[in-house]
N, C-alpha and C. Protein backbone atom coordinates (compact mmCIF):
# COMPACT_ATOMS: atom_id res chain seq x y z
N MET A 1 13.19 -90.06 -110.32
CA MET A 1 13.95 -88.78 -110.66
C MET A 1 13.27 -88.42 -112.05
N VAL A 2 13.09 -89.40 -112.94
CA VAL A 2 12.64 -89.06 -114.31
C VAL A 2 11.17 -88.58 -114.11
N LYS A 3 10.44 -89.09 -113.12
CA LYS A 3 8.89 -88.66 -112.97
C LYS A 3 9.11 -86.96 -112.81
N GLU A 4 10.16 -86.56 -112.36
CA GLU A 4 10.20 -85.07 -111.81
C GLU A 4 10.51 -84.22 -112.91
N ILE A 5 10.76 -84.60 -114.22
CA ILE A 5 11.24 -83.86 -115.46
C ILE A 5 9.97 -82.96 -115.89
N THR A 6 10.07 -81.91 -115.94
CA THR A 6 9.18 -80.82 -116.83
C THR A 6 9.23 -81.11 -118.28
N LEU A 7 8.31 -80.76 -118.89
CA LEU A 7 8.25 -80.71 -120.48
C LEU A 7 9.54 -80.06 -120.99
N ASP A 8 9.64 -78.55 -120.39
CA ASP A 8 10.86 -77.87 -120.92
C ASP A 8 12.32 -78.72 -120.53
N GLY A 9 12.29 -79.29 -119.51
CA GLY A 9 13.33 -79.91 -119.29
C GLY A 9 13.54 -81.03 -120.05
N PHE A 10 12.70 -81.83 -120.20
CA PHE A 10 12.77 -82.92 -121.50
C PHE A 10 12.87 -82.43 -122.94
N LEU A 11 12.42 -81.21 -123.17
CA LEU A 11 12.83 -80.74 -124.62
C LEU A 11 14.39 -80.24 -124.40
N SER A 12 14.36 -79.60 -123.58
CA SER A 12 16.11 -79.25 -123.36
C SER A 12 17.07 -80.79 -123.51
N MET A 13 16.69 -81.48 -122.84
CA MET A 13 17.56 -82.71 -122.76
C MET A 13 17.56 -83.27 -124.20
N CYS A 14 16.34 -83.26 -124.82
CA CYS A 14 16.26 -83.76 -126.23
C CYS A 14 17.27 -82.90 -127.20
N GLN A 15 17.15 -81.54 -126.81
CA GLN A 15 17.72 -80.57 -127.85
C GLN A 15 19.31 -81.12 -127.68
N VAL A 16 19.76 -81.11 -126.58
CA VAL A 16 21.21 -81.54 -126.33
C VAL A 16 21.63 -82.73 -126.80
N TYR A 17 20.77 -83.77 -126.75
CA TYR A 17 21.03 -85.29 -127.04
C TYR A 17 20.71 -85.35 -128.52
N LEU A 18 19.70 -85.12 -129.22
CA LEU A 18 19.36 -85.48 -130.60
C LEU A 18 20.41 -85.07 -131.67
N PRO A 19 21.31 -83.81 -131.53
CA PRO A 19 22.12 -83.65 -132.56
C PRO A 19 23.60 -84.64 -132.67
N GLU A 20 23.91 -85.28 -131.20
CA GLU A 20 24.72 -86.24 -131.26
C GLU A 20 24.41 -87.62 -131.25
N ALA A 21 22.86 -87.72 -131.56
CA ALA A 21 22.47 -89.38 -131.30
C ALA A 21 22.90 -90.25 -132.15
N GLN A 22 23.25 -91.43 -131.98
CA GLN A 22 24.35 -92.35 -132.45
C GLN A 22 23.28 -93.60 -132.96
N ASN A 23 22.37 -93.84 -132.10
CA ASN A 23 21.45 -95.17 -132.38
C ASN A 23 20.14 -94.36 -133.28
N PRO A 24 20.27 -94.93 -134.41
CA PRO A 24 19.21 -94.32 -135.38
C PRO A 24 17.62 -94.60 -135.15
N PHE A 25 17.31 -95.36 -134.17
CA PHE A 25 16.09 -95.71 -133.60
C PHE A 25 15.46 -94.55 -132.56
N ILE A 26 16.49 -94.08 -132.08
CA ILE A 26 16.01 -93.16 -130.82
C ILE A 26 15.49 -91.75 -131.22
N PRO A 27 16.37 -91.05 -132.17
CA PRO A 27 15.59 -89.72 -132.26
C PRO A 27 14.01 -89.34 -132.99
N PRO A 28 13.73 -90.70 -133.85
CA PRO A 28 12.20 -90.83 -134.30
C PRO A 28 11.33 -90.67 -132.99
N LYS A 29 11.80 -91.75 -131.96
CA LYS A 29 10.94 -91.99 -131.08
C LYS A 29 10.69 -90.79 -130.14
N LEU A 30 12.09 -90.23 -129.93
CA LEU A 30 12.22 -89.25 -128.91
C LEU A 30 11.08 -87.87 -129.57
N ILE A 31 11.35 -87.60 -131.01
CA ILE A 31 10.84 -86.60 -131.55
C ILE A 31 9.27 -86.95 -131.44
N GLU A 32 8.88 -87.95 -131.64
CA GLU A 32 7.39 -88.50 -131.54
C GLU A 32 6.56 -87.99 -130.31
N GLU A 33 7.83 -88.49 -129.23
CA GLU A 33 7.08 -88.38 -127.74
C GLU A 33 6.96 -86.69 -127.40
N LEU A 34 7.96 -85.87 -128.16
CA LEU A 34 7.67 -84.72 -127.90
C LEU A 34 6.66 -84.15 -128.65
N VAL A 35 6.35 -84.48 -129.76
CA VAL A 35 5.02 -84.03 -130.54
C VAL A 35 3.90 -84.30 -129.60
N GLN A 36 3.87 -85.67 -128.99
CA GLN A 36 2.69 -86.40 -128.45
C GLN A 36 2.33 -85.48 -127.41
N ILE A 37 3.31 -84.94 -126.48
CA ILE A 37 3.25 -84.39 -125.19
C ILE A 37 2.93 -82.67 -125.59
N GLY A 38 2.99 -82.11 -126.59
CA GLY A 38 2.80 -80.71 -126.96
C GLY A 38 3.82 -80.20 -126.81
N ALA A 39 5.34 -80.39 -127.16
CA ALA A 39 6.44 -79.79 -126.82
C ALA A 39 6.27 -78.76 -127.84
N VAL A 40 6.88 -77.34 -127.64
CA VAL A 40 6.84 -76.22 -128.50
C VAL A 40 8.25 -75.99 -128.61
N GLY A 41 8.92 -75.85 -129.63
CA GLY A 41 9.97 -75.67 -129.94
C GLY A 41 10.87 -76.19 -131.15
N GLU A 42 12.43 -76.13 -131.18
CA GLU A 42 12.84 -76.84 -132.31
C GLU A 42 13.99 -77.69 -131.89
N VAL A 43 14.33 -78.68 -132.55
CA VAL A 43 15.24 -79.61 -132.14
C VAL A 43 16.18 -79.72 -133.40
N VAL A 44 17.40 -80.32 -133.36
CA VAL A 44 18.39 -80.45 -134.60
C VAL A 44 18.35 -81.92 -134.60
N VAL A 45 18.23 -82.37 -135.84
CA VAL A 45 18.41 -84.03 -136.03
C VAL A 45 19.19 -84.24 -137.28
N ASN A 46 19.91 -84.88 -137.50
CA ASN A 46 20.85 -85.03 -139.08
C ASN A 46 21.40 -83.68 -139.46
N HIS A 47 21.43 -82.81 -138.75
CA HIS A 47 21.80 -81.21 -139.09
C HIS A 47 20.66 -80.60 -139.56
N LYS A 48 19.58 -80.87 -139.44
CA LYS A 48 18.20 -80.32 -139.96
C LYS A 48 17.54 -79.90 -138.64
N THR A 49 16.92 -78.48 -138.87
CA THR A 49 15.95 -78.28 -137.47
C THR A 49 14.66 -78.54 -137.97
N ILE A 50 14.10 -79.14 -136.98
CA ILE A 50 12.74 -79.29 -137.00
C ILE A 50 12.03 -78.59 -135.76
N ASN A 51 10.88 -78.09 -136.25
CA ASN A 51 9.98 -77.28 -135.71
C ASN A 51 8.72 -78.15 -135.12
N LEU A 52 8.86 -78.50 -133.76
CA LEU A 52 7.70 -79.19 -133.43
C LEU A 52 6.56 -79.26 -133.48
N GLU A 53 5.88 -77.99 -133.51
CA GLU A 53 4.47 -77.47 -133.72
C GLU A 53 4.23 -77.85 -135.03
N ASP A 54 4.94 -78.02 -136.07
CA ASP A 54 4.52 -78.34 -137.53
C ASP A 54 4.34 -79.72 -137.72
N LEU A 55 4.80 -80.53 -136.72
CA LEU A 55 4.44 -81.81 -137.12
C LEU A 55 3.40 -82.86 -136.56
N PRO A 56 2.87 -83.46 -137.68
CA PRO A 56 2.01 -84.66 -136.90
C PRO A 56 2.31 -85.61 -136.46
N LEU A 57 2.04 -86.48 -135.80
CA LEU A 57 2.25 -87.80 -134.98
C LEU A 57 2.37 -88.62 -136.18
N PRO A 58 3.41 -89.63 -136.12
CA PRO A 58 3.69 -90.55 -137.26
C PRO A 58 2.51 -91.10 -137.73
N GLU A 59 1.75 -91.79 -136.99
CA GLU A 59 0.61 -92.35 -137.68
C GLU A 59 -0.44 -91.25 -138.42
N GLU A 60 -0.36 -90.12 -137.97
CA GLU A 60 -1.07 -89.28 -138.69
C GLU A 60 -0.80 -88.55 -139.84
N ALA A 61 0.21 -88.70 -140.29
CA ALA A 61 1.17 -88.18 -141.30
C ALA A 61 0.50 -88.41 -142.77
N LYS A 62 0.16 -87.23 -143.18
CA LYS A 62 -0.80 -87.58 -144.55
C LYS A 62 -0.34 -88.33 -145.61
N VAL A 63 0.97 -88.54 -145.45
CA VAL A 63 1.66 -89.13 -146.66
C VAL A 63 1.56 -90.72 -146.19
N LEU A 64 1.76 -90.98 -145.03
CA LEU A 64 1.66 -92.53 -144.47
C LEU A 64 0.06 -93.04 -144.73
N GLN A 65 -0.92 -92.15 -144.45
CA GLN A 65 -2.26 -92.47 -144.56
C GLN A 65 -2.43 -92.78 -145.98
N LYS A 66 -1.90 -91.83 -147.05
CA LYS A 66 -2.28 -91.90 -148.22
C LYS A 66 -1.79 -93.20 -148.84
N ILE A 67 -0.48 -93.43 -148.45
CA ILE A 67 0.02 -94.80 -149.00
C ILE A 67 -0.51 -95.92 -148.33
N LEU A 68 -1.12 -95.73 -147.39
CA LEU A 68 -1.54 -97.20 -146.84
C LEU A 68 -2.93 -97.38 -147.65
N ALA A 69 -3.59 -96.25 -147.87
CA ALA A 69 -5.04 -96.20 -148.67
C ALA A 69 -4.89 -96.73 -150.13
N ILE A 70 -3.43 -96.24 -150.68
CA ILE A 70 -3.21 -96.78 -152.21
C ILE A 70 -2.99 -98.13 -152.19
N VAL A 71 -2.03 -98.66 -151.08
CA VAL A 71 -1.95 -100.00 -151.05
C VAL A 71 -3.10 -100.81 -150.61
N ASP A 72 -3.90 -100.22 -149.87
CA ASP A 72 -5.06 -101.30 -149.51
C ASP A 72 -5.96 -101.30 -150.80
N GLU A 73 -5.94 -100.15 -151.60
CA GLU A 73 -6.94 -100.27 -152.79
C GLU A 73 -6.36 -101.19 -153.97
N LYS A 74 -5.21 -100.99 -154.06
CA LYS A 74 -4.58 -101.73 -155.15
C LYS A 74 -4.43 -103.23 -154.85
N VAL A 75 -4.22 -103.70 -153.69
CA VAL A 75 -3.85 -105.29 -153.55
C VAL A 75 -5.03 -105.66 -152.72
N GLN A 76 -6.26 -105.33 -152.95
CA GLN A 76 -7.12 -105.55 -152.44
C GLN A 76 -7.75 -107.18 -152.87
N ASP A 77 -7.24 -107.51 -154.01
CA ASP A 77 -7.43 -109.04 -154.39
C ASP A 77 -6.15 -110.00 -154.04
N TYR A 78 -5.36 -109.29 -153.51
CA TYR A 78 -4.38 -109.99 -152.67
C TYR A 78 -4.04 -109.84 -151.16
N PRO A 79 -4.75 -110.15 -150.46
CA PRO A 79 -4.83 -109.95 -148.99
C PRO A 79 -3.21 -110.24 -148.31
N GLN A 80 -2.58 -111.30 -148.90
CA GLN A 80 -1.62 -111.44 -148.18
C GLN A 80 -0.73 -110.77 -148.53
N LEU A 81 -0.42 -109.99 -149.58
CA LEU A 81 0.18 -108.82 -150.05
C LEU A 81 0.21 -107.66 -148.89
N ASN A 82 -1.19 -107.56 -148.66
CA ASN A 82 -1.42 -106.31 -147.85
C ASN A 82 -1.03 -106.60 -146.60
N THR A 83 -1.09 -108.09 -146.04
CA THR A 83 -0.69 -108.33 -144.64
C THR A 83 0.77 -108.28 -144.38
N LEU A 84 1.70 -108.10 -145.52
CA LEU A 84 2.94 -108.08 -145.65
C LEU A 84 3.59 -106.79 -145.82
N ILE A 85 2.99 -106.19 -146.72
CA ILE A 85 3.19 -104.64 -146.93
C ILE A 85 3.02 -103.57 -145.99
N VAL A 86 1.98 -103.77 -145.42
CA VAL A 86 1.33 -102.60 -144.39
C VAL A 86 2.49 -102.62 -143.20
N PRO A 87 2.67 -103.53 -142.51
CA PRO A 87 3.61 -103.62 -141.23
C PRO A 87 5.05 -102.84 -141.61
N GLU A 88 5.44 -103.37 -142.87
CA GLU A 88 6.81 -102.88 -143.38
C GLU A 88 6.93 -101.31 -143.62
N ILE A 89 5.56 -101.06 -144.31
CA ILE A 89 5.48 -99.70 -144.46
C ILE A 89 5.49 -98.79 -143.10
N LYS A 90 4.59 -99.05 -142.00
CA LYS A 90 4.53 -98.69 -140.79
C LYS A 90 5.85 -98.54 -140.31
N ALA A 91 6.63 -99.47 -140.29
CA ALA A 91 8.10 -99.69 -139.48
C ALA A 91 9.13 -98.82 -140.02
N HIS A 92 8.87 -98.56 -141.69
CA HIS A 92 9.92 -97.79 -142.57
C HIS A 92 9.51 -96.19 -141.76
N PHE A 93 8.45 -95.76 -142.28
CA PHE A 93 7.77 -94.76 -141.80
C PHE A 93 8.39 -94.30 -140.33
N ALA A 94 7.90 -94.98 -139.28
CA ALA A 94 8.38 -94.97 -138.03
C ALA A 94 9.85 -94.63 -137.89
N PHE A 95 10.57 -95.36 -138.65
CA PHE A 95 12.07 -95.02 -138.45
C PHE A 95 12.56 -93.90 -139.43
N MET A 96 11.78 -93.45 -140.55
CA MET A 96 12.13 -92.08 -141.15
C MET A 96 11.83 -90.61 -140.56
N TYR A 97 10.92 -91.13 -139.57
CA TYR A 97 10.08 -90.00 -138.76
C TYR A 97 10.93 -88.83 -138.29
N PRO A 98 11.16 -87.55 -138.40
CA PRO A 98 10.17 -86.99 -139.01
C PRO A 98 10.53 -86.45 -140.63
N PHE A 99 11.39 -87.05 -140.99
CA PHE A 99 11.93 -87.14 -142.45
C PHE A 99 11.20 -87.80 -143.59
N LEU A 100 9.73 -87.38 -143.82
CA LEU A 100 8.92 -88.68 -144.54
C LEU A 100 8.79 -87.83 -145.79
N PRO A 101 8.40 -88.68 -146.99
CA PRO A 101 8.48 -88.33 -148.01
C PRO A 101 7.35 -87.15 -148.14
N ASP A 102 7.51 -86.47 -149.52
CA ASP A 102 6.21 -85.51 -149.68
C ASP A 102 5.00 -86.30 -149.99
N VAL A 103 3.77 -85.80 -149.68
CA VAL A 103 2.74 -86.71 -149.92
C VAL A 103 2.36 -86.70 -151.57
N GLU A 104 3.14 -85.97 -152.00
CA GLU A 104 2.77 -86.06 -153.76
C GLU A 104 3.68 -87.20 -154.07
N GLN A 105 4.57 -87.89 -153.32
CA GLN A 105 5.27 -89.20 -153.58
C GLN A 105 4.58 -90.42 -153.28
N ALA A 106 3.28 -89.97 -152.65
CA ALA A 106 2.79 -91.39 -151.89
C ALA A 106 2.36 -92.32 -153.03
N MET A 107 2.03 -92.08 -154.31
CA MET A 107 1.72 -93.09 -155.02
C MET A 107 3.06 -93.92 -155.49
N ASP A 108 3.92 -93.30 -155.65
CA ASP A 108 5.42 -93.77 -155.98
C ASP A 108 5.89 -94.72 -154.84
N TRP A 109 5.80 -94.33 -153.87
CA TRP A 109 6.03 -95.00 -152.60
C TRP A 109 5.33 -96.20 -152.36
N ALA A 110 3.76 -96.14 -152.71
CA ALA A 110 3.03 -97.27 -152.69
C ALA A 110 3.21 -98.26 -153.56
N GLU A 111 3.49 -97.69 -154.86
CA GLU A 111 3.60 -98.89 -156.02
C GLU A 111 5.22 -99.55 -155.90
N SER A 112 6.00 -98.71 -155.27
CA SER A 112 7.45 -99.59 -155.14
C SER A 112 7.33 -100.45 -154.30
N TYR A 113 6.37 -100.60 -153.01
CA TYR A 113 6.28 -101.73 -152.19
C TYR A 113 5.27 -102.70 -152.94
N ILE A 114 4.35 -102.27 -153.78
CA ILE A 114 3.44 -103.26 -154.48
C ILE A 114 4.50 -103.89 -155.30
N LEU A 115 5.32 -103.36 -155.98
CA LEU A 115 5.84 -104.00 -157.19
C LEU A 115 6.94 -105.16 -156.44
N GLU A 116 7.70 -104.50 -155.61
CA GLU A 116 8.59 -105.35 -154.80
C GLU A 116 8.25 -106.34 -154.25
N TYR A 117 6.88 -106.52 -153.80
CA TYR A 117 6.39 -107.55 -153.42
C TYR A 117 5.74 -108.62 -154.29
N LYS A 118 5.12 -107.93 -155.35
CA LYS A 118 4.56 -108.68 -156.18
C LYS A 118 5.75 -109.64 -156.96
N ALA A 119 6.88 -108.80 -157.03
CA ALA A 119 8.26 -109.55 -157.68
C ALA A 119 8.64 -110.77 -156.86
N MET A 120 8.41 -110.59 -155.32
CA MET A 120 8.76 -111.77 -154.46
C MET A 120 7.95 -112.59 -154.66
N PHE A 121 6.88 -112.57 -155.13
CA PHE A 121 5.90 -113.65 -155.69
C PHE A 121 5.91 -114.11 -156.79
N GLY A 122 6.92 -113.91 -157.72
CA GLY A 122 7.22 -114.55 -158.90
C GLY A 122 6.75 -113.40 -160.17
N GLU A 123 6.05 -112.30 -159.75
CA GLU A 123 5.58 -111.56 -160.78
C GLU A 123 6.80 -110.81 -161.67
N GLU A 124 6.90 -110.67 -162.77
CA GLU A 124 7.99 -110.12 -163.64
C GLU A 124 7.58 -108.63 -163.61
N VAL A 125 8.62 -108.00 -163.17
CA VAL A 125 8.53 -106.31 -163.15
C VAL A 125 9.88 -105.97 -164.03
N SER A 126 9.47 -105.06 -164.95
CA SER A 126 10.14 -104.63 -165.97
C SER A 126 11.71 -103.89 -165.11
N ASP A 127 12.68 -103.77 -166.04
CA ASP A 127 13.80 -102.92 -165.34
C ASP A 127 13.43 -101.31 -165.60
N GLU A 128 12.81 -100.86 -166.19
CA GLU A 128 12.49 -99.38 -166.49
C GLU A 128 11.55 -99.37 -165.26
N LYS A 129 10.61 -100.14 -164.56
CA LYS A 129 10.13 -99.81 -163.28
C LYS A 129 10.93 -99.75 -162.42
N TRP A 130 11.67 -100.69 -162.11
CA TRP A 130 12.72 -100.52 -161.13
C TRP A 130 13.57 -99.26 -160.96
N GLU A 131 13.91 -99.03 -162.44
CA GLU A 131 14.88 -97.93 -162.32
C GLU A 131 13.67 -96.58 -162.24
N TYR A 132 12.81 -96.67 -162.41
CA TYR A 132 11.97 -95.48 -161.85
C TYR A 132 11.84 -95.29 -160.39
N TYR A 133 11.80 -96.43 -159.95
CA TYR A 133 11.82 -96.57 -158.31
C TYR A 133 13.11 -96.52 -157.40
N ARG A 134 14.20 -96.34 -158.34
CA ARG A 134 15.31 -96.46 -157.19
C ARG A 134 15.61 -95.99 -156.56
N ASN A 135 15.33 -94.48 -156.51
CA ASN A 135 15.73 -93.85 -155.19
C ASN A 135 14.93 -94.33 -154.23
N ILE A 136 13.63 -94.76 -154.39
CA ILE A 136 12.69 -95.12 -153.06
C ILE A 136 13.38 -96.49 -152.66
N GLN A 137 13.67 -97.48 -153.55
CA GLN A 137 14.47 -98.70 -153.31
C GLN A 137 15.38 -98.65 -152.45
N GLU A 138 16.57 -97.80 -152.72
CA GLU A 138 17.89 -97.34 -152.20
C GLU A 138 17.65 -97.05 -150.78
N LYS A 139 16.10 -96.29 -150.42
CA LYS A 139 16.08 -95.80 -149.25
C LYS A 139 15.46 -96.77 -148.24
N LYS A 140 14.44 -97.85 -149.05
CA LYS A 140 14.13 -98.80 -148.36
C LYS A 140 15.12 -99.85 -147.83
N GLN A 141 16.28 -99.93 -148.79
CA GLN A 141 17.26 -101.31 -148.59
C GLN A 141 18.08 -100.57 -147.62
N GLU A 142 18.46 -99.56 -147.54
CA GLU A 142 19.29 -98.48 -146.52
C GLU A 142 18.64 -99.06 -145.01
N ILE A 143 17.41 -98.80 -144.76
CA ILE A 143 16.16 -99.08 -143.83
C ILE A 143 16.62 -100.42 -143.32
N ARG A 144 16.54 -101.35 -144.30
CA ARG A 144 16.20 -102.70 -144.06
C ARG A 144 17.75 -103.15 -143.45
N GLN A 145 18.80 -102.47 -144.09
CA GLN A 145 20.19 -102.77 -143.81
C GLN A 145 20.33 -102.48 -142.25
N ILE A 146 19.96 -101.34 -141.95
CA ILE A 146 20.00 -100.88 -140.47
C ILE A 146 19.07 -102.04 -139.35
N TYR A 147 18.05 -102.15 -139.95
CA TYR A 147 17.56 -103.17 -138.94
C TYR A 147 18.06 -104.54 -138.85
N GLN A 148 18.56 -105.10 -140.35
CA GLN A 148 19.39 -106.39 -140.01
C GLN A 148 20.57 -106.15 -139.28
N GLU A 149 21.28 -105.06 -139.12
CA GLU A 149 22.46 -104.91 -138.59
C GLU A 149 22.09 -105.09 -137.06
N ILE A 150 21.12 -104.44 -136.63
CA ILE A 150 20.64 -104.33 -135.02
C ILE A 150 20.10 -105.97 -134.83
N GLY A 151 19.65 -106.48 -135.80
CA GLY A 151 19.17 -107.64 -135.40
C GLY A 151 20.41 -108.92 -135.20
N THR A 152 21.54 -108.77 -136.12
CA THR A 152 22.45 -109.56 -135.75
C THR A 152 23.32 -109.09 -134.46
N ARG A 153 23.19 -107.93 -133.90
CA ARG A 153 23.82 -107.61 -132.87
C ARG A 153 23.48 -108.26 -131.42
N SER A 154 21.95 -108.52 -131.58
CA SER A 154 21.42 -108.95 -130.52
C SER A 154 21.61 -110.51 -130.02
């Protein structure tokens, strides 16, 4: 039966489902699927209207590409950091999709991940730096908490 659904039918189903979605992992994936198959129209998620034609696929988002390039450049002397940071960034951005930070914030996001991981490896980070990235850190912690809650239910 699912094989018989049209693009317009799938879009209509998503338009009904997304405003009421309870599982935070489903809306980003449905929106990604809609963008990938070329759906034209709008959906509402988290009380925000999203125009599907204006969205890149998550992995093509300029902000993500810029963050990954910054991280790659800044931690090239620490390959273990790159190995740890990149998958988390990709997971976080897949979860936040389509509500990604502005490309102008890419440096701050990249720096916040780098500082956090360097601190895990024992490097001293000033309170001023943590305060500067406080909003980003709070968003990352919120996402980690959701992942942790899902992991403990399994």
